[in-house]
Amino acid sequence: MEDNDVKKIFYFKPETESEEKSRDFWLFCYYGNGMNIKDVSLLKYSNISEGYLIFERSKTERVMRADPKPITVFLTDEMLGIIEKWGNKNKAEDNFYFPRASAWFKYPQAV
């Protein structure tokens, strides 16, 4: 993706709430160093520590490793604004940032 393409998304003027939310979630992923939307949807307030997001990628959840490496992402002002705008107002540690988005994905079931 070229810088010009990112600028188009950044400066896009949404006409509906759905367009605005889509743009904001895309930007959240972009600011989060290319976070996967599934990872964003599964973020909980407990993933915040001293201005950083710390999480394990869901992409690697099927890989059996003894020492999975957590991903650390600096929470920018823009990301914090998106959390404030669309996020769960109840900021208890076990609550998802974006509770409706978390419903898109199911946790793996034990076999």
Protein backbone atom coordinates (compact mmCIF):
# COMPACT_ATOMS: atom_id res chain seq x y z
CA MET A 1 0.00 0.00 0.00
CA GLU A 2 1.37 3.38 -0.99
CA ASP A 3 1.47 6.42 1.33
CA ASN A 4 -1.06 8.13 -0.92
CA ASP A 5 -3.52 5.27 -0.37
CA VAL A 6 -3.19 5.59 3.41
CA LYS A 7 -3.80 9.35 3.13
CA LYS A 8 -7.00 8.68 1.16
CA ILE A 9 -8.28 6.48 3.97
CA PHE A 10 -7.14 8.91 6.68
CA TYR A 11 -8.85 11.90 5.05
CA PHE A 12 -11.93 9.98 3.86
CA LYS A 13 -15.15 11.72 4.95
CA PRO A 14 -17.62 8.98 5.84
CA GLU A 15 -21.28 9.53 5.11
CA THR A 16 -22.63 6.85 7.43
CA GLU A 17 -21.76 5.52 10.86
CA SER A 18 -20.86 2.19 9.27
CA GLU A 19 -18.32 3.88 6.96
CA GLU A 20 -16.92 5.85 9.89
CA LYS A 21 -16.54 2.74 12.03
CA SER A 22 -14.92 0.83 9.15
CA ARG A 23 -12.43 3.63 8.57
CA ASP A 24 -11.64 3.91 12.28
CA PHE A 25 -11.11 0.17 12.70
CA TRP A 26 -8.86 0.10 9.64
CA LEU A 27 -6.85 3.01 11.08
CA PHE A 28 -6.66 1.26 14.46
CA CYS A 29 -5.12 -1.77 12.75
CA TYR A 30 -2.74 0.48 10.80
CA TYR A 31 -1.63 2.44 13.89
CA GLY A 32 -1.23 -0.89 15.68
CA ASN A 33 1.55 -1.96 13.27
CA GLY A 34 -0.80 -3.91 11.02
CA MET A 35 -2.77 -5.71 13.70
CA ASN A 36 -5.16 -8.37 12.43
CA ILE A 37 -8.84 -7.41 12.87
CA LYS A 38 -9.41 -10.63 14.83
CA ASP A 39 -6.69 -9.59 17.27
CA VAL A 40 -8.31 -6.16 17.61
CA SER A 41 -11.70 -7.72 18.25
CA LEU A 42 -10.29 -9.90 21.04
CA LEU A 43 -8.44 -7.13 22.89
CA LYS A 44 -9.43 -6.67 26.51
CA TYR A 45 -8.67 -3.79 28.84
CA SER A 46 -6.31 -6.17 30.64
CA ASN A 47 -4.11 -6.02 27.50
CA ILE A 48 -3.15 -2.42 28.37
CA SER A 49 -0.01 -1.92 30.41
CA GLU A 50 1.70 1.44 30.89
CA GLY A 51 0.60 2.88 27.55
CA TYR A 52 1.15 -0.30 25.53
CA LEU A 53 -1.02 -3.09 24.17
CA ILE A 54 0.40 -6.51 24.93
CA PHE A 55 -1.24 -9.51 23.28
CA GLU A 56 -0.60 -12.79 21.52
CA ARG A 57 -1.58 -13.04 17.87
CA SER A 58 -4.58 -15.26 17.25
CA LYS A 59 -2.95 -16.27 13.96
CA THR A 60 -0.42 -18.29 15.92
CA GLU A 61 -2.84 -19.80 18.47
CA ARG A 62 -2.75 -23.18 16.72
CA VAL A 63 1.03 -23.31 16.83
CA MET A 64 2.20 -25.24 19.84
CA ARG A 65 5.08 -23.32 21.36
CA ALA A 66 6.36 -23.46 24.88
CA ASP A 67 7.22 -19.77 24.91
CA PRO A 68 4.86 -17.72 22.73
CA LYS A 69 6.18 -14.19 22.22
CA PRO A 70 3.73 -11.44 23.10
CA ILE A 71 3.30 -8.54 20.67
CA THR A 72 3.79 -5.08 22.16
CA VAL A 73 2.26 -2.04 20.46
CA PHE A 74 2.51 1.56 21.65
CA LEU A 75 -0.97 3.03 22.15
CA THR A 76 -1.01 6.22 20.09
CA ASP A 77 -3.34 9.13 20.79
CA GLU A 78 -5.24 8.13 17.65
CA MET A 79 -5.74 4.58 18.91
CA LEU A 80 -6.87 5.86 22.31
CA GLY A 81 -9.35 8.16 20.54
CA ILE A 82 -10.81 5.22 18.59
CA ILE A 83 -11.10 3.18 21.79
CA GLU A 84 -12.86 6.10 23.48
CA LYS A 85 -15.18 6.62 20.52
CA TRP A 86 -16.20 3.01 19.79
CA GLY A 87 -14.99 1.10 22.81
CA ASN A 88 -16.76 -0.45 25.74
CA LYS A 89 -17.50 2.25 28.32
CA ASN A 90 -17.12 -0.31 31.11
CA LYS A 91 -13.33 -0.58 31.28
CA ALA A 92 -13.13 -3.55 33.65
CA GLU A 93 -10.03 -5.62 32.86
CA ASP A 94 -12.01 -8.61 31.54
CA ASN A 95 -14.12 -6.53 29.15
CA PHE A 96 -13.38 -6.37 25.45
CA TYR A 97 -12.44 -2.97 24.01
CA PHE A 98 -14.94 -3.45 21.22
CA PRO A 99 -17.61 -5.84 22.54
CA ARG A 100 -19.67 -6.07 19.34
CA ALA A 101 -16.57 -6.83 17.27
CA SER A 102 -15.58 -9.63 19.65
CA ALA A 103 -18.83 -11.43 18.77
CA TRP A 104 -17.50 -11.90 15.22
CA PHE A 105 -15.06 -14.52 16.47
CA LYS A 106 -15.54 -17.47 18.76
CA TYR A 107 -13.00 -18.80 21.19
CA PRO A 108 -11.68 -22.26 20.32
CA GLN A 109 -13.71 -25.03 21.91
CA ALA A 110 -12.05 -27.82 23.84
CA VAL A 111 -12.28 -31.16 22.06
